[in-house]
Amino acid sequence: FISSLADDTPEGKSTVDLAVRRFGFAEGNRRGGARFV
């Protein structure tokens, strides 16, 4: 989930969606101060 937050590909978006559906992760509190690779 965390490694896919900046991934706008269909694969990245589907990974985020699956993690949210399965475990209820919230996206907002993960972006502060992060450096995306």
PDB file of all heavy atoms in Angstrom:
ATOM      1  N   PHE A   1       0.827  -1.204   0.000  1.00  0.00           N
ATOM      2  CA  PHE A   1       0.000   0.000   0.000  1.00  0.00           C
ATOM      3  C   PHE A   1       0.867   1.262   0.000  1.00  0.00           C
ATOM      4  O   PHE A   1       0.693   2.167  -0.824  1.00  0.00           O
ATOM      5  CB  PHE A   1      -0.915  -0.038   1.226  1.00  0.00           C
ATOM      6  CG  PHE A   1      -1.684   1.229   1.476  1.00  0.00           C
ATOM      7  CD1 PHE A   1      -2.805   1.544   0.733  1.00  0.00           C
ATOM      8  CD2 PHE A   1      -1.268   2.111   2.464  1.00  0.00           C
ATOM      9  CE1 PHE A   1      -3.509   2.718   0.969  1.00  0.00           C
ATOM     10  CE2 PHE A   1      -1.966   3.281   2.712  1.00  0.00           C
ATOM     11  CZ  PHE A   1      -3.087   3.587   1.952  1.00  0.00           C
ATOM     12  N   ILE A   2       1.844   1.314   0.907  1.00  0.00           N
ATOM     13  CA  ILE A   2       2.685   2.506   1.034  1.00  0.00           C
ATOM     14  C   ILE A   2       3.542   2.691  -0.212  1.00  0.00           C
ATOM     15  O   ILE A   2       3.689   3.814  -0.721  1.00  0.00           O
ATOM     16  CB  ILE A   2       3.562   2.407   2.298  1.00  0.00           C
ATOM     17  CG1 ILE A   2       2.676   2.409   3.555  1.00  0.00           C
ATOM     18  CG2 ILE A   2       4.565   3.563   2.357  1.00  0.00           C
ATOM     19  CD1 ILE A   2       3.431   2.141   4.837  1.00  0.00           C
ATOM     20  N   SER A   3       4.095   1.604  -0.741  1.00  0.00           N
ATOM     21  CA  SER A   3       4.977   1.724  -1.907  1.00  0.00           C
ATOM     22  C   SER A   3       4.209   2.054  -3.179  1.00  0.00           C
ATOM     23  O   SER A   3       4.818   2.424  -4.187  1.00  0.00           O
ATOM     24  CB  SER A   3       5.766   0.424  -2.109  1.00  0.00           C
ATOM     25  OG  SER A   3       4.890  -0.662  -2.323  1.00  0.00           O
ATOM     26  N   SER A   4       2.865   1.958  -3.151  1.00  0.00           N
ATOM     27  CA  SER A   4       2.045   2.223  -4.344  1.00  0.00           C
ATOM     28  C   SER A   4       1.327   3.554  -4.298  1.00  0.00           C
ATOM     29  O   SER A   4       0.601   3.898  -5.237  1.00  0.00           O
ATOM     30  CB  SER A   4       1.005   1.097  -4.520  1.00  0.00           C
ATOM     31  OG  SER A   4       1.623  -0.149  -4.672  1.00  0.00           O
ATOM     32  N   LEU A   5       1.522   4.335  -3.214  1.00  0.00           N
ATOM     33  CA  LEU A   5       0.765   5.574  -3.070  1.00  0.00           C
ATOM     34  C   LEU A   5       1.023   6.557  -4.208  1.00  0.00           C
ATOM     35  O   LEU A   5       0.123   7.304  -4.605  1.00  0.00           O
ATOM     36  CB  LEU A   5       1.095   6.237  -1.725  1.00  0.00           C
ATOM     37  CG  LEU A   5       0.485   5.560  -0.488  1.00  0.00           C
ATOM     38  CD1 LEU A   5       0.971   6.240   0.785  1.00  0.00           C
ATOM     39  CD2 LEU A   5      -1.028   5.602  -0.567  1.00  0.00           C
ATOM     40  N   ALA A   6       2.238   6.567  -4.731  1.00  0.00           N
ATOM     41  CA  ALA A   6       2.560   7.502  -5.807  1.00  0.00           C
ATOM     42  C   ALA A   6       2.532   6.845  -7.183  1.00  0.00           C
ATOM     43  O   ALA A   6       2.929   7.452  -8.170  1.00  0.00           O
ATOM     44  CB  ALA A   6       3.941   8.109  -5.570  1.00  0.00           C
ATOM     45  N   ASP A   7       2.079   5.613  -7.218  1.00  0.00           N
ATOM     46  CA  ASP A   7       2.043   4.859  -8.481  1.00  0.00           C
ATOM     47  C   ASP A   7       0.681   5.051  -9.137  1.00  0.00           C
ATOM     48  O   ASP A   7      -0.328   4.519  -8.679  1.00  0.00           O
ATOM     49  CB  ASP A   7       2.291   3.374  -8.188  1.00  0.00           C
ATOM     50  CG  ASP A   7       2.456   2.547  -9.458  1.00  0.00           C
ATOM     51  OD1 ASP A   7       2.188   3.083 -10.554  1.00  0.00           O
ATOM     52  OD2 ASP A   7       2.836   1.368  -9.345  1.00  0.00           O
ATOM     53  N   ASP A   8       0.639   5.828 -10.230  1.00  0.00           N
ATOM     54  CA  ASP A   8      -0.631   6.116 -10.899  1.00  0.00           C
ATOM     55  C   ASP A   8      -0.967   5.114 -12.001  1.00  0.00           C
ATOM     56  O   ASP A   8      -1.918   5.324 -12.750  1.00  0.00           O
ATOM     57  CB  ASP A   8      -0.596   7.526 -11.506  1.00  0.00           C
ATOM     58  CG  ASP A   8      -0.650   8.598 -10.429  1.00  0.00           C
ATOM     59  OD1 ASP A   8      -1.264   8.337  -9.378  1.00  0.00           O
ATOM     60  OD2 ASP A   8      -0.071   9.685 -10.646  1.00  0.00           O
ATOM     61  N   THR A   9      -0.198   4.065 -12.102  1.00  0.00           N
ATOM     62  CA  THR A   9      -0.521   3.042 -13.099  1.00  0.00           C
ATOM     63  C   THR A   9      -1.737   2.248 -12.632  1.00  0.00           C
ATOM     64  O   THR A   9      -2.062   2.232 -11.436  1.00  0.00           O
ATOM     65  CB  THR A   9       0.657   2.080 -13.302  1.00  0.00           C
ATOM     66  OG1 THR A   9       0.878   1.354 -12.084  1.00  0.00           O
ATOM     67  CG2 THR A   9       1.910   2.840 -13.701  1.00  0.00           C
ATOM     68  N   PRO A  10      -2.434   1.565 -13.549  1.00  0.00           N
ATOM     69  CA  PRO A  10      -3.572   0.725 -13.128  1.00  0.00           C
ATOM     70  C   PRO A  10      -3.166  -0.311 -12.089  1.00  0.00           C
ATOM     71  O   PRO A  10      -3.935  -0.602 -11.165  1.00  0.00           O
ATOM     72  CB  PRO A  10      -4.019   0.063 -14.434  1.00  0.00           C
ATOM     73  CG  PRO A  10      -3.587   1.011 -15.513  1.00  0.00           C
ATOM     74  CD  PRO A  10      -2.301   1.601 -15.029  1.00  0.00           C
ATOM     75  N   GLU A  11      -1.929  -0.847 -12.208  1.00  0.00           N
ATOM     76  CA  GLU A  11      -1.474  -1.846 -11.235  1.00  0.00           C
ATOM     77  C   GLU A  11      -1.313  -1.218  -9.856  1.00  0.00           C
ATOM     78  O   GLU A  11      -1.723  -1.804  -8.838  1.00  0.00           O
ATOM     79  CB  GLU A  11      -0.143  -2.460 -11.698  1.00  0.00           C
ATOM     80  CG  GLU A  11      -0.232  -3.278 -12.967  1.00  0.00           C
ATOM     81  CD  GLU A  11      -0.117  -2.440 -14.228  1.00  0.00           C
ATOM     82  OE1 GLU A  11      -0.088  -1.185 -14.109  1.00  0.00           O
ATOM     83  OE2 GLU A  11      -0.066  -3.017 -15.325  1.00  0.00           O
ATOM     84  N   GLY A  12      -0.713  -0.007  -9.828  1.00  0.00           N
ATOM     85  CA  GLY A  12      -0.529   0.660  -8.545  1.00  0.00           C
ATOM     86  C   GLY A  12      -1.839   1.039  -7.891  1.00  0.00           C
ATOM     87  O   GLY A  12      -2.027   0.849  -6.685  1.00  0.00           O
ATOM     88  N   LYS A  13      -2.756   1.599  -8.683  1.00  0.00           N
ATOM     89  CA  LYS A  13      -4.060   1.983  -8.138  1.00  0.00           C
ATOM     90  C   LYS A  13      -4.823   0.770  -7.617  1.00  0.00           C
ATOM     91  O   LYS A  13      -5.483   0.831  -6.583  1.00  0.00           O
ATOM     92  CB  LYS A  13      -4.877   2.697  -9.207  1.00  0.00           C
ATOM     93  CG  LYS A  13      -4.333   4.074  -9.576  1.00  0.00           C
ATOM     94  CD  LYS A  13      -5.167   4.719 -10.676  1.00  0.00           C
ATOM     95  CE  LYS A  13      -4.646   6.097 -11.026  1.00  0.00           C
ATOM     96  NZ  LYS A  13      -5.415   6.718 -12.133  1.00  0.00           N
ATOM     97  N   SER A  14      -4.742  -0.349  -8.342  1.00  0.00           N
ATOM     98  CA  SER A  14      -5.477  -1.539  -7.898  1.00  0.00           C
ATOM     99  C   SER A  14      -4.868  -2.110  -6.623  1.00  0.00           C
ATOM    100  O   SER A  14      -5.586  -2.682  -5.791  1.00  0.00           O
ATOM    101  CB  SER A  14      -5.474  -2.595  -9.010  1.00  0.00           C
ATOM    102  OG  SER A  14      -4.180  -3.142  -9.209  1.00  0.00           O
ATOM    103  N   THR A  15      -3.542  -1.943  -6.450  1.00  0.00           N
ATOM    104  CA  THR A  15      -2.901  -2.405  -5.209  1.00  0.00           C
ATOM    105  C   THR A  15      -3.404  -1.602  -4.021  1.00  0.00           C
ATOM    106  O   THR A  15      -3.731  -2.160  -2.959  1.00  0.00           O
ATOM    107  CB  THR A  15      -1.371  -2.274  -5.331  1.00  0.00           C
ATOM    108  OG1 THR A  15      -0.913  -3.091  -6.412  1.00  0.00           O
ATOM    109  CG2 THR A  15      -0.681  -2.713  -4.044  1.00  0.00           C
ATOM    110  N   VAL A  16      -3.476  -0.286  -4.196  1.00  0.00           N
ATOM    111  CA  VAL A  16      -4.004   0.574  -3.127  1.00  0.00           C
ATOM    112  C   VAL A  16      -5.451   0.214  -2.828  1.00  0.00           C
ATOM    113  O   VAL A  16      -5.852   0.085  -1.662  1.00  0.00           O
ATOM    114  CB  VAL A  16      -3.873   2.061  -3.533  1.00  0.00           C
ATOM    115  CG1 VAL A  16      -4.609   2.953  -2.529  1.00  0.00           C
ATOM    116  CG2 VAL A  16      -2.416   2.459  -3.630  1.00  0.00           C
ATOM    117  N   ASP A  17      -6.257   0.041  -3.865  1.00  0.00           N
ATOM    118  CA  ASP A  17      -7.674  -0.281  -3.672  1.00  0.00           C
ATOM    119  C   ASP A  17      -7.840  -1.604  -2.934  1.00  0.00           C
ATOM    120  O   ASP A  17      -8.690  -1.722  -2.031  1.00  0.00           O
ATOM    121  CB  ASP A  17      -8.381  -0.363  -5.031  1.00  0.00           C
ATOM    122  CG  ASP A  17      -8.518   0.993  -5.694  1.00  0.00           C
ATOM    123  OD1 ASP A  17      -8.394   2.002  -4.987  1.00  0.00           O
ATOM    124  OD2 ASP A  17      -8.749   1.038  -6.920  1.00  0.00           O
ATOM    125  N   LEU A  18      -7.049  -2.612  -3.313  1.00  0.00           N
ATOM    126  CA  LEU A  18      -7.167  -3.913  -2.654  1.00  0.00           C
ATOM    127  C   LEU A  18      -6.782  -3.816  -1.183  1.00  0.00           C
ATOM    128  O   LEU A  18      -7.454  -4.391  -0.312  1.00  0.00           O
ATOM    129  CB  LEU A  18      -6.293  -4.944  -3.379  1.00  0.00           C
ATOM    130  CG  LEU A  18      -6.318  -6.363  -2.792  1.00  0.00           C
ATOM    131  CD1 LEU A  18      -7.720  -6.956  -2.890  1.00  0.00           C
ATOM    132  CD2 LEU A  18      -5.303  -7.266  -3.511  1.00  0.00           C
ATOM    133  N   ALA A  19      -5.709  -3.063  -0.886  1.00  0.00           N
ATOM    134  CA  ALA A  19      -5.283  -2.916   0.512  1.00  0.00           C
ATOM    135  C   ALA A  19      -6.333  -2.180   1.337  1.00  0.00           C
ATOM    136  O   ALA A  19      -6.590  -2.529   2.496  1.00  0.00           O
ATOM    137  CB  ALA A  19      -3.952  -2.168   0.560  1.00  0.00           C
ATOM    138  N   VAL A  20      -6.951  -1.172   0.739  1.00  0.00           N
ATOM    139  CA  VAL A  20      -8.000  -0.431   1.451  1.00  0.00           C
ATOM    140  C   VAL A  20      -9.196  -1.327   1.711  1.00  0.00           C
ATOM    141  O   VAL A  20      -9.778  -1.325   2.814  1.00  0.00           O
ATOM    142  CB  VAL A  20      -8.410   0.820   0.642  1.00  0.00           C
ATOM    143  CG1 VAL A  20      -9.655   1.463   1.234  1.00  0.00           C
ATOM    144  CG2 VAL A  20      -7.262   1.828   0.593  1.00  0.00           C
ATOM    145  N   ARG A  21      -9.577  -2.119   0.711  1.00  0.00           N
ATOM    146  CA  ARG A  21     -10.737  -3.008   0.889  1.00  0.00           C
ATOM    147  C   ARG A  21     -10.460  -4.090   1.929  1.00  0.00           C
ATOM    148  O   ARG A  21     -11.336  -4.412   2.733  1.00  0.00           O
ATOM    149  CB  ARG A  21     -11.100  -3.680  -0.449  1.00  0.00           C
ATOM    150  CG  ARG A  21     -11.691  -2.754  -1.480  1.00  0.00           C
ATOM    151  CD  ARG A  21     -12.445  -3.546  -2.562  1.00  0.00           C
ATOM    152  NE  ARG A  21     -11.679  -4.669  -3.070  1.00  0.00           N
ATOM    153  CZ  ARG A  21     -10.830  -4.606  -4.103  1.00  0.00           C
ATOM    154  NH1 ARG A  21     -10.627  -3.442  -4.706  1.00  0.00           N
ATOM    155  NH2 ARG A  21     -10.188  -5.675  -4.512  1.00  0.00           N
ATOM    156  N   ARG A  22      -9.256  -4.642   1.907  1.00  0.00           N
ATOM    157  CA  ARG A  22      -8.958  -5.763   2.797  1.00  0.00           C
ATOM    158  C   ARG A  22      -8.670  -5.323   4.231  1.00  0.00           C
ATOM    159  O   ARG A  22      -9.077  -5.991   5.195  1.00  0.00           O
ATOM    160  CB  ARG A  22      -7.754  -6.544   2.256  1.00  0.00           C
ATOM    161  CG  ARG A  22      -8.005  -7.271   0.940  1.00  0.00           C
ATOM    162  CD  ARG A  22      -8.979  -8.443   1.133  1.00  0.00           C
ATOM    163  NE  ARG A  22      -8.496  -9.383   2.108  1.00  0.00           N
ATOM    164  CZ  ARG A  22      -7.641 -10.379   1.851  1.00  0.00           C
ATOM    165  NH1 ARG A  22      -7.203 -10.541   0.613  1.00  0.00           N
ATOM    166  NH2 ARG A  22      -7.259 -11.213   2.801  1.00  0.00           N
ATOM    167  N   PHE A  23      -7.939  -4.208   4.389  1.00  0.00           N
ATOM    168  CA  PHE A  23      -7.471  -3.854   5.732  1.00  0.00           C
ATOM    169  C   PHE A  23      -7.827  -2.437   6.159  1.00  0.00           C
ATOM    170  O   PHE A  23      -7.461  -2.013   7.265  1.00  0.00           O
ATOM    171  CB  PHE A  23      -5.946  -4.054   5.814  1.00  0.00           C
ATOM    172  CG  PHE A  23      -5.522  -5.477   5.589  1.00  0.00           C
ATOM    173  CD1 PHE A  23      -5.010  -5.884   4.363  1.00  0.00           C
ATOM    174  CD2 PHE A  23      -5.667  -6.428   6.593  1.00  0.00           C
ATOM    175  CE1 PHE A  23      -4.625  -7.196   4.144  1.00  0.00           C
ATOM    176  CE2 PHE A  23      -5.284  -7.750   6.390  1.00  0.00           C
ATOM    177  CZ  PHE A  23      -4.764  -8.140   5.159  1.00  0.00           C
ATOM    178  N   GLY A  24      -8.515  -1.685   5.308  1.00  0.00           N
ATOM    179  CA  GLY A  24      -8.993  -0.372   5.703  1.00  0.00           C
ATOM    180  C   GLY A  24      -7.923   0.671   5.903  1.00  0.00           C
ATOM    181  O   GLY A  24      -8.100   1.600   6.706  1.00  0.00           O
ATOM    182  N   PHE A  25      -6.785   0.551   5.193  1.00  0.00           N
ATOM    183  CA  PHE A  25      -5.735   1.562   5.325  1.00  0.00           C
ATOM    184  C   PHE A  25      -6.235   2.915   4.825  1.00  0.00           C
ATOM    185  O   PHE A  25      -6.990   2.993   3.864  1.00  0.00           O
ATOM    186  CB  PHE A  25      -4.487   1.160   4.522  1.00  0.00           C
ATOM    187  CG  PHE A  25      -3.824  -0.096   5.030  1.00  0.00           C
ATOM    188  CD1 PHE A  25      -3.478  -1.120   4.155  1.00  0.00           C
ATOM    189  CD2 PHE A  25      -3.562  -0.267   6.379  1.00  0.00           C
ATOM    190  CE1 PHE A  25      -2.874  -2.267   4.612  1.00  0.00           C
ATOM    191  CE2 PHE A  25      -2.954  -1.420   6.844  1.00  0.00           C
ATOM    192  CZ  PHE A  25      -2.612  -2.424   5.962  1.00  0.00           C
ATOM    193  N   ALA A  26      -5.763   3.992   5.484  1.00  0.00           N
ATOM    194  CA  ALA A  26      -6.133   5.345   5.076  1.00  0.00           C
ATOM    195  C   ALA A  26      -4.943   5.980   4.370  1.00  0.00           C
ATOM    196  O   ALA A  26      -3.804   5.895   4.838  1.00  0.00           O
ATOM    197  CB  ALA A  26      -6.538   6.174   6.287  1.00  0.00           C
ATOM    198  N   GLU A  27      -5.221   6.641   3.242  1.00  0.00           N
ATOM    199  CA  GLU A  27      -4.139   7.174   2.414  1.00  0.00           C
ATOM    200  C   GLU A  27      -3.572   8.487   2.952  1.00  0.00           C
ATOM    201  O   GLU A  27      -2.387   8.753   2.847  1.00  0.00           O
ATOM    202  CB  GLU A  27      -4.658   7.385   0.986  1.00  0.00           C
ATOM    203  CG  GLU A  27      -3.604   7.822   0.012  1.00  0.00           C
ATOM    204  CD  GLU A  27      -4.136   7.890  -1.412  1.00  0.00           C
ATOM    205  OE1 GLU A  27      -5.178   7.256  -1.676  1.00  0.00           O
ATOM    206  OE2 GLU A  27      -3.525   8.586  -2.233  1.00  0.00           O
ATOM    207  N   GLY A  28      -4.400   9.308   3.571  1.00  0.00           N
ATOM    208  CA  GLY A  28      -4.006  10.681   3.895  1.00  0.00           C
ATOM    209  C   GLY A  28      -2.809  10.796   4.810  1.00  0.00           C
ATOM    210  O   GLY A  28      -1.924  11.624   4.594  1.00  0.00           O
ATOM    211  N   ASN A  29      -2.744   9.965   5.859  1.00  0.00           N
ATOM    212  CA  ASN A  29      -1.697  10.138   6.862  1.00  0.00           C
ATOM    213  C   ASN A  29      -0.379   9.469   6.481  1.00  0.00           C
ATOM    214  O   ASN A  29       0.504   9.353   7.293  1.00  0.00           O
ATOM    215  CB  ASN A  29      -2.179   9.592   8.212  1.00  0.00           C
ATOM    216  CG  ASN A  29      -2.518   8.107   8.135  1.00  0.00           C
ATOM    217  OD1 ASN A  29      -2.384   7.497   7.091  1.00  0.00           O
ATOM    218  ND2 ASN A  29      -2.974   7.552   9.265  1.00  0.00           N
ATOM    219  N   ARG A  30      -0.254   9.023   5.238  1.00  0.00           N
ATOM    220  CA  ARG A  30       0.964   8.335   4.843  1.00  0.00           C
ATOM    221  C   ARG A  30       1.877   9.198   3.991  1.00  0.00           C
ATOM    222  O   ARG A  30       2.961   8.797   3.645  1.00  0.00           O
ATOM    223  CB  ARG A  30       0.597   7.070   4.048  1.00  0.00           C
ATOM    224  CG  ARG A  30      -0.227   6.055   4.831  1.00  0.00           C
ATOM    225  CD  ARG A  30       0.600   5.319   5.841  1.00  0.00           C
ATOM    226  NE  ARG A  30      -0.167   4.319   6.565  1.00  0.00           N
ATOM    227  CZ  ARG A  30       0.368   3.519   7.484  1.00  0.00           C
ATOM    228  NH1 ARG A  30       1.641   3.629   7.786  1.00  0.00           N
ATOM    229  NH2 ARG A  30      -0.378   2.629   8.108  1.00  0.00           N
ATOM    230  N   ARG A  31       1.427  10.383   3.591  1.00  0.00           N
ATOM    231  CA  ARG A  31       2.180  11.160   2.609  1.00  0.00           C
ATOM    232  C   ARG A  31       3.124  12.198   3.224  1.00  0.00           C
ATOM    233  O   ARG A  31       4.029  12.673   2.549  1.00  0.00           O
ATOM    234  CB  ARG A  31       1.202  11.878   1.664  1.00  0.00           C
ATOM    235  CG  ARG A  31       0.472  10.930   0.737  1.00  0.00           C
ATOM    236  CD  ARG A  31      -0.349  11.696  -0.273  1.00  0.00           C
ATOM    237  NE  ARG A  31      -0.996  10.813  -1.232  1.00  0.00           N
ATOM    238  CZ  ARG A  31      -0.446  10.418  -2.370  1.00  0.00           C
ATOM    239  NH1 ARG A  31       0.771  10.817  -2.679  1.00  0.00           N
ATOM    240  NH2 ARG A  31      -1.091   9.617  -3.189  1.00  0.00           N
ATOM    241  N   GLY A  32       2.911  12.553   4.470  1.00  0.00           N
ATOM    242  CA  GLY A  32       3.699  13.631   5.058  1.00  0.00           C
ATOM    243  C   GLY A  32       5.193  13.337   5.088  1.00  0.00           C
ATOM    244  O   GLY A  32       5.636  12.362   5.691  1.00  0.00           O
ATOM    245  N   GLY A  33       6.002  14.203   4.469  1.00  0.00           N
ATOM    246  CA  GLY A  33       7.456  14.064   4.491  1.00  0.00           C
ATOM    247  C   GLY A  33       8.000  12.905   3.698  1.00  0.00           C
ATOM    248  O   GLY A  33       9.197  12.590   3.811  1.00  0.00           O
ATOM    249  N   ALA A  34       7.197  12.233   2.926  1.00  0.00           N
ATOM    250  CA  ALA A  34       7.652  11.056   2.183  1.00  0.00           C
ATOM    251  C   ALA A  34       8.366  11.479   0.908  1.00  0.00           C
ATOM    252  O   ALA A  34       8.056  12.498   0.302  1.00  0.00           O
ATOM    253  CB  ALA A  34       6.467  10.165   1.849  1.00  0.00           C
ATOM    254  N   ARG A  35       9.372  10.656   0.508  1.00  0.00           N
ATOM    255  CA  ARG A  35      10.055  10.859  -0.768  1.00  0.00           C
ATOM    256  C   ARG A  35       9.731   9.671  -1.665  1.00  0.00           C
ATOM    257  O   ARG A  35      10.033   8.525  -1.326  1.00  0.00           O
ATOM    258  CB  ARG A  35      11.566  10.953  -0.568  1.00  0.00           C
ATOM    259  CG  ARG A  35      12.333  11.262  -1.866  1.00  0.00           C
ATOM    260  CD  ARG A  35      13.832  11.338  -1.602  1.00  0.00           C
ATOM    261  NE  ARG A  35      14.386  10.028  -1.304  1.00  0.00           N
ATOM    262  CZ  ARG A  35      14.807   9.156  -2.242  1.00  0.00           C
ATOM    263  NH1 ARG A  35      14.714   9.470  -3.526  1.00  0.00           N
ATOM    264  NH2 ARG A  35      15.310   7.999  -1.873  1.00  0.00           N
ATOM    265  N   PHE A  36       9.061   9.953  -2.772  1.00  0.00           N
ATOM    266  CA  PHE A  36       8.627   8.878  -3.648  1.00  0.00           C
ATOM    267  C   PHE A  36       9.714   8.526  -4.653  1.00  0.00           C
ATOM    268  O   PHE A  36      10.355   9.411  -5.247  1.00  0.00           O
ATOM    269  CB  PHE A  36       7.349   9.277  -4.384  1.00  0.00           C
ATOM    270  CG  PHE A  36       6.193   9.518  -3.453  1.00  0.00           C
ATOM    271  CD1 PHE A  36       5.737  10.802  -3.192  1.00  0.00           C
ATOM    272  CD2 PHE A  36       5.574   8.461  -2.809  1.00  0.00           C
ATOM    273  CE1 PHE A  36       4.695  11.032  -2.323  1.00  0.00           C
ATOM    274  CE2 PHE A  36       4.527   8.682  -1.945  1.00  0.00           C
ATOM    275  CZ  PHE A  36       4.081   9.970  -1.689  1.00  0.00           C
ATOM    276  N   VAL A  37       9.906   7.245  -4.854  1.00  0.00           N
ATOM    277  CA  VAL A  37      10.902   6.731  -5.796  1.00  0.00           C
ATOM    278  C   VAL A  37      10.155   6.216  -7.020  1.00  0.00           C
ATOM    279  O   VAL A  37       9.458   5.201  -6.944  1.00  0.00           O
ATOM    280  CB  VAL A  37      11.739   5.597  -5.169  1.00  0.00           C
ATOM    281  CG1 VAL A  37      12.767   5.077  -6.178  1.00  0.00           C
ATOM    282  CG2 VAL A  37      12.411   6.080  -3.891  1.00  0.00           C
TER     283      VAL A  37
END
